[in-house]
Amino acid sequence: MIRTGIILLVEDNPNDVVLTMRAFEKCNISNEIVVVSDGQEALDYLFSTGRHAGRDPKVMPEVVLLDMKLPKIDGLGVLRRLRADERTRRLPVVILTSSKEAKDITSSYDLGANSFIRKPVDFDQFIDAARQLGLYWLVMNEPPPRRDNAPNS
């Protein structure tokens, strides 16, 4: 059964946003997809600050799809902040990037990324990658317990 939670897509390239949305649609992934275009907005969304101050901070995404090269705060900076905060420490984060740099892969895992995926250039390959992402993160993966079940939340 597909969990119906939110997918947070952190992507500054409008073409990649459209491609990702089309790929998820083609794979029948009907989860709400929240798109933010820079690292600061991702943090504002996740911590309910800035223009996302009215958002319920207990409602966290099922998974964050995080690009590496972002304006304001890059993907590694976002990941560093997420892992440093108790509220987001266990939030599943998939680095979804075009980077082929070995240091980016190493840094991502060192900072606590759950997965590192290179964006396929070919649309059919991208659709397959989106299908597999959805299948794994929204069906097969057992997410960590929600913070609202934790004491003192």
N, C-alpha and C. Protein backbone atom coordinates (compact mmCIF):
# COMPACT_ATOMS: atom_id res chain seq x y z
N MET A 1 0.84 -1.18 0.00
CA MET A 1 0.00 0.00 0.00
C MET A 1 0.88 1.25 0.00
N ILE A 2 0.61 2.17 -0.87
CA ILE A 2 1.38 3.41 -0.97
C ILE A 2 0.95 4.35 0.15
N ARG A 3 1.93 4.83 0.91
CA ARG A 3 1.63 5.86 1.91
C ARG A 3 1.35 7.16 1.18
N THR A 4 0.41 7.91 1.69
CA THR A 4 -0.07 9.09 0.98
C THR A 4 0.55 10.39 1.49
N GLY A 5 1.62 10.29 2.24
CA GLY A 5 2.25 11.49 2.78
C GLY A 5 2.87 12.37 1.71
N ILE A 6 3.40 13.46 2.16
CA ILE A 6 3.99 14.48 1.30
C ILE A 6 5.39 14.06 0.85
N ILE A 7 5.71 14.41 -0.38
CA ILE A 7 7.08 14.32 -0.89
C ILE A 7 7.56 15.76 -1.00
N LEU A 8 8.69 16.07 -0.37
CA LEU A 8 9.27 17.40 -0.49
C LEU A 8 10.36 17.34 -1.56
N LEU A 9 10.14 18.06 -2.65
CA LEU A 9 11.10 18.14 -3.74
C LEU A 9 11.84 19.47 -3.64
N VAL A 10 13.14 19.41 -3.38
CA VAL A 10 13.96 20.61 -3.27
C VAL A 10 14.80 20.70 -4.53
N GLU A 11 14.34 21.54 -5.46
CA GLU A 11 14.93 21.60 -6.81
C GLU A 11 14.79 23.01 -7.36
N ASP A 12 15.91 23.57 -7.82
CA ASP A 12 15.87 24.94 -8.34
C ASP A 12 15.71 25.01 -9.86
N ASN A 13 15.88 23.90 -10.56
CA ASN A 13 15.77 23.89 -12.01
C ASN A 13 14.32 23.59 -12.40
N PRO A 14 13.60 24.59 -12.97
CA PRO A 14 12.18 24.38 -13.32
C PRO A 14 11.97 23.20 -14.27
N ASN A 15 12.91 22.96 -15.18
CA ASN A 15 12.77 21.82 -16.10
C ASN A 15 12.84 20.49 -15.36
N ASP A 16 13.72 20.40 -14.36
CA ASP A 16 13.81 19.17 -13.57
C ASP A 16 12.57 18.98 -12.69
N VAL A 17 11.97 20.09 -12.23
CA VAL A 17 10.74 19.99 -11.46
C VAL A 17 9.64 19.40 -12.35
N VAL A 18 9.48 19.95 -13.55
CA VAL A 18 8.45 19.46 -14.48
C VAL A 18 8.70 17.99 -14.81
N LEU A 19 9.95 17.65 -15.09
CA LEU A 19 10.30 16.27 -15.42
C LEU A 19 9.97 15.33 -14.27
N THR A 20 10.29 15.73 -13.06
CA THR A 20 10.02 14.89 -11.89
C THR A 20 8.52 14.73 -11.69
N MET A 21 7.77 15.82 -11.81
CA MET A 21 6.31 15.75 -11.64
C MET A 21 5.69 14.85 -12.71
N ARG A 22 6.14 14.99 -13.95
CA ARG A 22 5.62 14.15 -15.04
C ARG A 22 5.96 12.69 -14.80
N ALA A 23 7.17 12.43 -14.34
CA ALA A 23 7.59 11.04 -14.08
C ALA A 23 6.75 10.43 -12.96
N PHE A 24 6.52 11.16 -11.87
CA PHE A 24 5.69 10.63 -10.79
C PHE A 24 4.26 10.41 -11.26
N GLU A 25 3.74 11.34 -12.05
CA GLU A 25 2.38 11.19 -12.57
C GLU A 25 2.28 9.95 -13.45
N LYS A 26 3.27 9.75 -14.31
CA LYS A 26 3.27 8.61 -15.22
C LYS A 26 3.37 7.29 -14.44
N CYS A 27 3.98 7.35 -13.26
CA CYS A 27 4.12 6.15 -12.41
C CYS A 27 2.97 6.01 -11.41
N ASN A 28 1.95 6.86 -11.56
CA ASN A 28 0.77 6.83 -10.67
C ASN A 28 1.11 7.09 -9.21
N ILE A 29 2.12 7.91 -8.97
CA ILE A 29 2.43 8.34 -7.62
C ILE A 29 1.60 9.60 -7.39
N SER A 30 0.59 9.47 -6.55
CA SER A 30 -0.36 10.57 -6.39
C SER A 30 -0.16 11.35 -5.09
N ASN A 31 0.94 11.12 -4.42
CA ASN A 31 1.23 11.87 -3.20
C ASN A 31 1.29 13.36 -3.50
N GLU A 32 0.97 14.16 -2.49
CA GLU A 32 1.16 15.60 -2.63
C GLU A 32 2.65 15.86 -2.73
N ILE A 33 3.04 16.65 -3.71
CA ILE A 33 4.46 16.99 -3.88
C ILE A 33 4.59 18.48 -3.63
N VAL A 34 5.35 18.81 -2.60
CA VAL A 34 5.63 20.20 -2.28
C VAL A 34 6.98 20.51 -2.90
N VAL A 35 7.02 21.58 -3.70
CA VAL A 35 8.25 21.96 -4.39
C VAL A 35 8.77 23.26 -3.79
N VAL A 36 10.03 23.25 -3.41
CA VAL A 36 10.71 24.47 -2.98
C VAL A 36 11.96 24.61 -3.83
N SER A 37 12.37 25.85 -4.08
CA SER A 37 13.42 26.07 -5.09
C SER A 37 14.77 26.48 -4.54
N ASP A 38 14.92 26.52 -3.22
CA ASP A 38 16.26 26.81 -2.67
C ASP A 38 16.36 26.19 -1.28
N GLY A 39 17.58 26.12 -0.80
CA GLY A 39 17.83 25.47 0.48
C GLY A 39 17.18 26.17 1.66
N GLN A 40 17.16 27.49 1.64
CA GLN A 40 16.54 28.21 2.75
C GLN A 40 15.04 27.93 2.81
N GLU A 41 14.39 27.90 1.66
CA GLU A 41 12.96 27.62 1.65
C GLU A 41 12.68 26.18 2.12
N ALA A 42 13.58 25.25 1.80
CA ALA A 42 13.42 23.87 2.29
C ALA A 42 13.44 23.85 3.81
N LEU A 43 14.39 24.57 4.40
CA LEU A 43 14.48 24.62 5.86
C LEU A 43 13.27 25.35 6.45
N ASP A 44 12.84 26.43 5.79
CA ASP A 44 11.64 27.14 6.26
C ASP A 44 10.43 26.22 6.25
N TYR A 45 10.30 25.41 5.21
CA TYR A 45 9.17 24.48 5.12
C TYR A 45 9.26 23.45 6.25
N LEU A 46 10.42 22.82 6.38
CA LEU A 46 10.57 21.74 7.35
C LEU A 46 10.45 22.21 8.80
N PHE A 47 10.91 23.43 9.07
CA PHE A 47 10.87 23.94 10.44
C PHE A 47 9.74 24.95 10.67
N SER A 48 8.84 25.09 9.67
CA SER A 48 7.67 25.97 9.78
C SER A 48 8.06 27.40 10.16
N THR A 49 8.99 27.95 9.39
CA THR A 49 9.44 29.32 9.60
C THR A 49 9.28 30.10 8.29
N GLY A 50 9.61 31.39 8.32
CA GLY A 50 9.53 32.20 7.11
C GLY A 50 8.14 32.16 6.50
N ARG A 51 8.08 32.01 5.18
CA ARG A 51 6.76 31.99 4.52
C ARG A 51 5.96 30.71 4.80
N HIS A 52 6.58 29.75 5.47
CA HIS A 52 5.89 28.51 5.85
C HIS A 52 5.57 28.48 7.35
N ALA A 53 5.57 29.66 7.98
CA ALA A 53 5.37 29.75 9.43
C ALA A 53 4.02 29.19 9.88
N GLY A 54 3.01 29.19 9.04
CA GLY A 54 1.70 28.69 9.42
C GLY A 54 1.53 27.19 9.25
N ARG A 55 2.52 26.52 8.68
CA ARG A 55 2.43 25.08 8.43
C ARG A 55 2.54 24.30 9.73
N ASP A 56 1.79 23.21 9.84
CA ASP A 56 1.84 22.36 11.02
C ASP A 56 3.19 21.65 11.06
N PRO A 57 4.07 21.96 12.03
CA PRO A 57 5.40 21.37 12.06
C PRO A 57 5.41 19.87 12.36
N LYS A 58 4.29 19.33 12.82
CA LYS A 58 4.23 17.88 13.08
C LYS A 58 4.02 17.08 11.81
N VAL A 59 3.57 17.74 10.74
CA VAL A 59 3.35 17.05 9.46
C VAL A 59 4.64 17.12 8.65
N MET A 60 5.35 16.02 8.67
CA MET A 60 6.62 15.94 7.94
C MET A 60 6.45 15.11 6.68
N PRO A 61 7.29 15.37 5.68
CA PRO A 61 7.21 14.58 4.45
C PRO A 61 7.60 13.12 4.69
N GLU A 62 7.11 12.27 3.80
CA GLU A 62 7.54 10.86 3.82
C GLU A 62 9.01 10.77 3.43
N VAL A 63 9.40 11.64 2.49
CA VAL A 63 10.78 11.64 1.98
C VAL A 63 11.09 13.02 1.42
N VAL A 64 12.35 13.41 1.53
CA VAL A 64 12.83 14.65 0.94
C VAL A 64 13.73 14.28 -0.23
N LEU A 65 13.42 14.81 -1.41
CA LEU A 65 14.27 14.64 -2.58
C LEU A 65 15.06 15.94 -2.71
N LEU A 66 16.36 15.87 -2.47
CA LEU A 66 17.18 17.05 -2.28
C LEU A 66 18.26 17.16 -3.35
N ASP A 67 18.21 18.25 -4.10
CA ASP A 67 19.26 18.54 -5.08
C ASP A 67 20.50 19.03 -4.32
N MET A 68 21.66 18.89 -4.92
CA MET A 68 22.91 19.33 -4.29
C MET A 68 23.18 20.81 -4.50
N LYS A 69 23.05 21.24 -5.75
CA LYS A 69 23.41 22.61 -6.11
C LYS A 69 22.16 23.49 -6.06
N LEU A 70 22.03 24.23 -4.96
CA LEU A 70 20.85 25.06 -4.72
C LEU A 70 21.27 26.47 -4.37
N PRO A 71 20.42 27.45 -4.67
CA PRO A 71 20.68 28.82 -4.23
C PRO A 71 20.52 28.93 -2.70
N LYS A 72 21.10 29.97 -2.15
CA LYS A 72 21.03 30.36 -0.74
C LYS A 72 21.74 29.38 0.18
N ILE A 73 21.26 28.15 0.30
CA ILE A 73 21.92 27.11 1.09
C ILE A 73 21.96 25.87 0.22
N ASP A 74 23.15 25.31 0.01
CA ASP A 74 23.24 24.14 -0.88
C ASP A 74 22.69 22.89 -0.19
N GLY A 75 22.57 21.82 -0.96
CA GLY A 75 21.99 20.58 -0.45
C GLY A 75 22.70 20.03 0.76
N LEU A 76 24.02 20.10 0.77
CA LEU A 76 24.76 19.60 1.92
C LEU A 76 24.50 20.45 3.16
N GLY A 77 24.34 21.75 2.97
CA GLY A 77 24.00 22.62 4.10
C GLY A 77 22.63 22.29 4.66
N VAL A 78 21.68 22.02 3.78
CA VAL A 78 20.34 21.62 4.21
C VAL A 78 20.43 20.31 4.98
N LEU A 79 21.12 19.34 4.43
CA LEU A 79 21.25 18.03 5.07
C LEU A 79 21.92 18.16 6.44
N ARG A 80 22.95 18.97 6.53
CA ARG A 80 23.65 19.20 7.79
C ARG A 80 22.67 19.72 8.85
N ARG A 81 21.83 20.69 8.47
CA ARG A 81 20.85 21.26 9.42
C ARG A 81 19.80 20.23 9.81
N LEU A 82 19.35 19.42 8.84
CA LEU A 82 18.32 18.42 9.15
C LEU A 82 18.84 17.39 10.15
N ARG A 83 20.05 16.96 9.95
CA ARG A 83 20.61 15.92 10.84
C ARG A 83 21.00 16.46 12.21
N ALA A 84 21.16 17.77 12.33
CA ALA A 84 21.53 18.39 13.61
C ALA A 84 20.32 18.65 14.50
N ASP A 85 19.12 18.52 13.96
CA ASP A 85 17.92 18.86 14.72
C ASP A 85 17.13 17.59 15.03
N GLU A 86 16.75 17.43 16.27
CA GLU A 86 16.02 16.24 16.71
C GLU A 86 14.73 16.02 15.92
N ARG A 87 14.06 17.10 15.52
CA ARG A 87 12.78 16.98 14.81
C ARG A 87 12.93 16.38 13.41
N THR A 88 14.10 16.52 12.80
CA THR A 88 14.29 16.07 11.41
C THR A 88 15.44 15.08 11.26
N ARG A 89 16.03 14.69 12.35
CA ARG A 89 17.22 13.82 12.31
C ARG A 89 16.98 12.52 11.53
N ARG A 90 15.79 11.95 11.68
CA ARG A 90 15.51 10.65 11.04
C ARG A 90 14.70 10.76 9.76
N LEU A 91 14.43 11.97 9.33
CA LEU A 91 13.65 12.19 8.11
C LEU A 91 14.40 11.60 6.91
N PRO A 92 13.76 10.72 6.12
CA PRO A 92 14.45 10.15 4.96
C PRO A 92 14.79 11.22 3.92
N VAL A 93 16.07 11.27 3.57
CA VAL A 93 16.56 12.25 2.60
C VAL A 93 17.28 11.52 1.48
N VAL A 94 16.80 11.74 0.25
CA VAL A 94 17.43 11.17 -0.93
C VAL A 94 18.06 12.32 -1.71
N ILE A 95 19.36 12.24 -1.91
CA ILE A 95 20.04 13.23 -2.74
C ILE A 95 19.73 12.83 -4.18
N LEU A 96 19.09 13.74 -4.91
CA LEU A 96 18.72 13.52 -6.30
C LEU A 96 19.38 14.63 -7.11
N THR A 97 20.47 14.29 -7.78
CA THR A 97 21.32 15.32 -8.37
C THR A 97 21.95 14.85 -9.67
N SER A 98 22.46 15.80 -10.42
CA SER A 98 23.20 15.46 -11.64
C SER A 98 24.69 15.36 -11.37
N SER A 99 25.12 15.62 -10.15
CA SER A 99 26.54 15.58 -9.80
C SER A 99 27.11 14.17 -9.97
N LYS A 100 28.30 14.12 -10.52
CA LYS A 100 29.02 12.86 -10.66
C LYS A 100 30.30 12.87 -9.83
N GLU A 101 30.42 13.86 -8.95
CA GLU A 101 31.61 14.01 -8.12
C GLU A 101 31.62 12.99 -6.98
N ALA A 102 32.71 12.24 -6.87
CA ALA A 102 32.83 11.26 -5.79
C ALA A 102 32.76 11.94 -4.43
N LYS A 103 33.32 13.16 -4.32
CA LYS A 103 33.29 13.86 -3.03
C LYS A 103 31.85 14.22 -2.63
N ASP A 104 30.97 14.46 -3.60
CA ASP A 104 29.58 14.76 -3.29
C ASP A 104 28.88 13.53 -2.72
N ILE A 105 29.17 12.37 -3.28
CA ILE A 105 28.59 11.12 -2.78
C ILE A 105 29.06 10.88 -1.35
N THR A 106 30.38 10.98 -1.15
CA THR A 106 30.95 10.75 0.18
C THR A 106 30.41 11.75 1.19
N SER A 107 30.40 13.02 0.84
CA SER A 107 29.91 14.05 1.76
C SER A 107 28.44 13.82 2.11
N SER A 108 27.65 13.44 1.11
CA SER A 108 26.22 13.20 1.36
C SER A 108 26.01 12.10 2.38
N TYR A 109 26.69 10.99 2.20
CA TYR A 109 26.55 9.88 3.16
C TYR A 109 27.15 10.24 4.51
N ASP A 110 28.27 10.95 4.51
CA ASP A 110 28.88 11.36 5.78
C ASP A 110 27.93 12.23 6.60
N LEU A 111 27.12 13.03 5.91
CA LEU A 111 26.18 13.92 6.60
C LEU A 111 24.83 13.27 6.89
N GLY A 112 24.67 12.01 6.49
CA GLY A 112 23.46 11.28 6.86
C GLY A 112 22.41 11.10 5.79
N ALA A 113 22.77 11.29 4.51
CA ALA A 113 21.80 11.01 3.45
C ALA A 113 21.42 9.53 3.48
N ASN A 114 20.17 9.24 3.16
CA ASN A 114 19.72 7.85 3.11
C ASN A 114 20.02 7.20 1.78
N SER A 115 20.17 8.03 0.74
CA SER A 115 20.42 7.51 -0.59
C SER A 115 20.98 8.62 -1.47
N PHE A 116 21.73 8.25 -2.50
CA PHE A 116 22.29 9.20 -3.45
C PHE A 116 21.96 8.67 -4.84
N ILE A 117 21.20 9.46 -5.60
CA ILE A 117 20.76 9.03 -6.93
C ILE A 117 21.14 10.09 -7.94
N ARG A 118 21.81 9.67 -9.00
CA ARG A 118 22.09 10.59 -10.10
C ARG A 118 20.86 10.67 -10.99
N LYS A 119 20.49 11.89 -11.35
CA LYS A 119 19.34 12.08 -12.24
C LYS A 119 19.68 11.54 -13.62
N PRO A 120 18.89 10.59 -14.11
CA PRO A 120 19.11 10.12 -15.48
C PRO A 120 18.76 11.24 -16.47
N VAL A 121 19.50 11.33 -17.55
CA VAL A 121 19.25 12.34 -18.57
C VAL A 121 18.08 11.92 -19.46
N ASP A 122 18.00 10.66 -19.78
CA ASP A 122 16.95 10.13 -20.65
C ASP A 122 15.62 10.07 -19.89
N PHE A 123 14.53 10.56 -20.51
CA PHE A 123 13.23 10.63 -19.85
C PHE A 123 12.73 9.25 -19.44
N ASP A 124 12.86 8.24 -20.29
CA ASP A 124 12.39 6.90 -19.94
C ASP A 124 13.16 6.35 -18.73
N GLN A 125 14.45 6.62 -18.69
CA GLN A 125 15.25 6.19 -17.52
C GLN A 125 14.82 6.97 -16.28
N PHE A 126 14.50 8.26 -16.47
CA PHE A 126 14.05 9.08 -15.35
C PHE A 126 12.73 8.55 -14.80
N ILE A 127 11.82 8.17 -15.69
CA ILE A 127 10.53 7.60 -15.26
C ILE A 127 10.77 6.32 -14.47
N ASP A 128 11.67 5.47 -14.95
CA ASP A 128 11.97 4.24 -14.23
C ASP A 128 12.57 4.54 -12.86
N ALA A 129 13.46 5.52 -12.80
CA ALA A 129 14.05 5.90 -11.51
C ALA A 129 12.97 6.42 -10.57
N ALA A 130 12.04 7.23 -11.08
CA ALA A 130 10.94 7.76 -10.25
C ALA A 130 10.05 6.63 -9.75
N ARG A 131 9.77 5.68 -10.61
CA ARG A 131 8.95 4.53 -10.22
C ARG A 131 9.62 3.75 -9.09
N GLN A 132 10.91 3.50 -9.25
CA GLN A 132 11.64 2.77 -8.22
C GLN A 132 11.74 3.56 -6.92
N LEU A 133 11.96 4.86 -7.04
CA LEU A 133 11.97 5.73 -5.85
C LEU A 133 10.65 5.62 -5.11
N GLY A 134 9.55 5.78 -5.84
CA GLY A 134 8.23 5.70 -5.23
C GLY A 134 7.97 4.35 -4.60
N LEU A 135 8.30 3.29 -5.31
CA LEU A 135 8.09 1.94 -4.80
C LEU A 135 8.86 1.73 -3.50
N TYR A 136 10.11 2.11 -3.50
CA TYR A 136 10.92 1.88 -2.31
C TYR A 136 10.50 2.78 -1.14
N TRP A 137 10.50 4.10 -1.35
CA TRP A 137 10.30 5.03 -0.24
C TRP A 137 8.85 5.14 0.21
N LEU A 138 7.89 4.86 -0.67
CA LEU A 138 6.48 5.03 -0.31
C LEU A 138 5.76 3.71 -0.05
N VAL A 139 6.38 2.58 -0.40
CA VAL A 139 5.73 1.29 -0.19
C VAL A 139 6.59 0.36 0.66
N MET A 140 7.81 0.10 0.23
CA MET A 140 8.64 -0.91 0.89
C MET A 140 9.32 -0.43 2.17
N ASN A 141 9.83 0.78 2.16
CA ASN A 141 10.59 1.28 3.30
C ASN A 141 9.70 1.45 4.53
N GLU A 142 10.19 1.02 5.66
CA GLU A 142 9.50 1.24 6.94
C GLU A 142 10.04 2.54 7.53
N PRO A 143 9.21 3.58 7.57
CA PRO A 143 9.70 4.87 8.05
C PRO A 143 9.95 4.86 9.56
N PRO A 144 10.77 5.80 10.03
CA PRO A 144 10.97 5.90 11.48
C PRO A 144 9.68 6.36 12.15
N PRO A 145 9.52 6.07 13.44
CA PRO A 145 8.32 6.54 14.13
C PRO A 145 8.23 8.06 14.05
N ARG A 146 7.01 8.56 13.97
CA ARG A 146 6.77 10.00 13.91
C ARG A 146 7.09 10.65 15.25
N ARG A 147 7.55 11.89 15.20
CA ARG A 147 7.90 12.64 16.40
C ARG A 147 6.70 12.81 17.34
N ASP A 148 5.48 12.86 16.80
CA ASP A 148 4.33 13.07 17.68
C ASP A 148 4.07 11.87 18.59
N ASN A 149 4.75 10.73 18.31
CA ASN A 149 4.65 9.56 19.19
C ASN A 149 5.74 9.57 20.26
N ALA A 150 6.67 10.48 20.14
CA ALA A 150 7.81 10.53 21.06
C ALA A 150 7.41 11.32 22.30
N PRO A 151 8.05 10.99 23.44
CA PRO A 151 7.76 11.76 24.64
C PRO A 151 8.24 13.20 24.50
N ASN A 152 7.60 14.12 25.17
CA ASN A 152 7.96 15.54 25.18
C ASN A 152 7.91 16.20 23.83
N SER A 153 7.04 15.77 22.93
CA SER A 153 6.98 16.47 21.64
C SER A 153 5.92 17.50 21.62
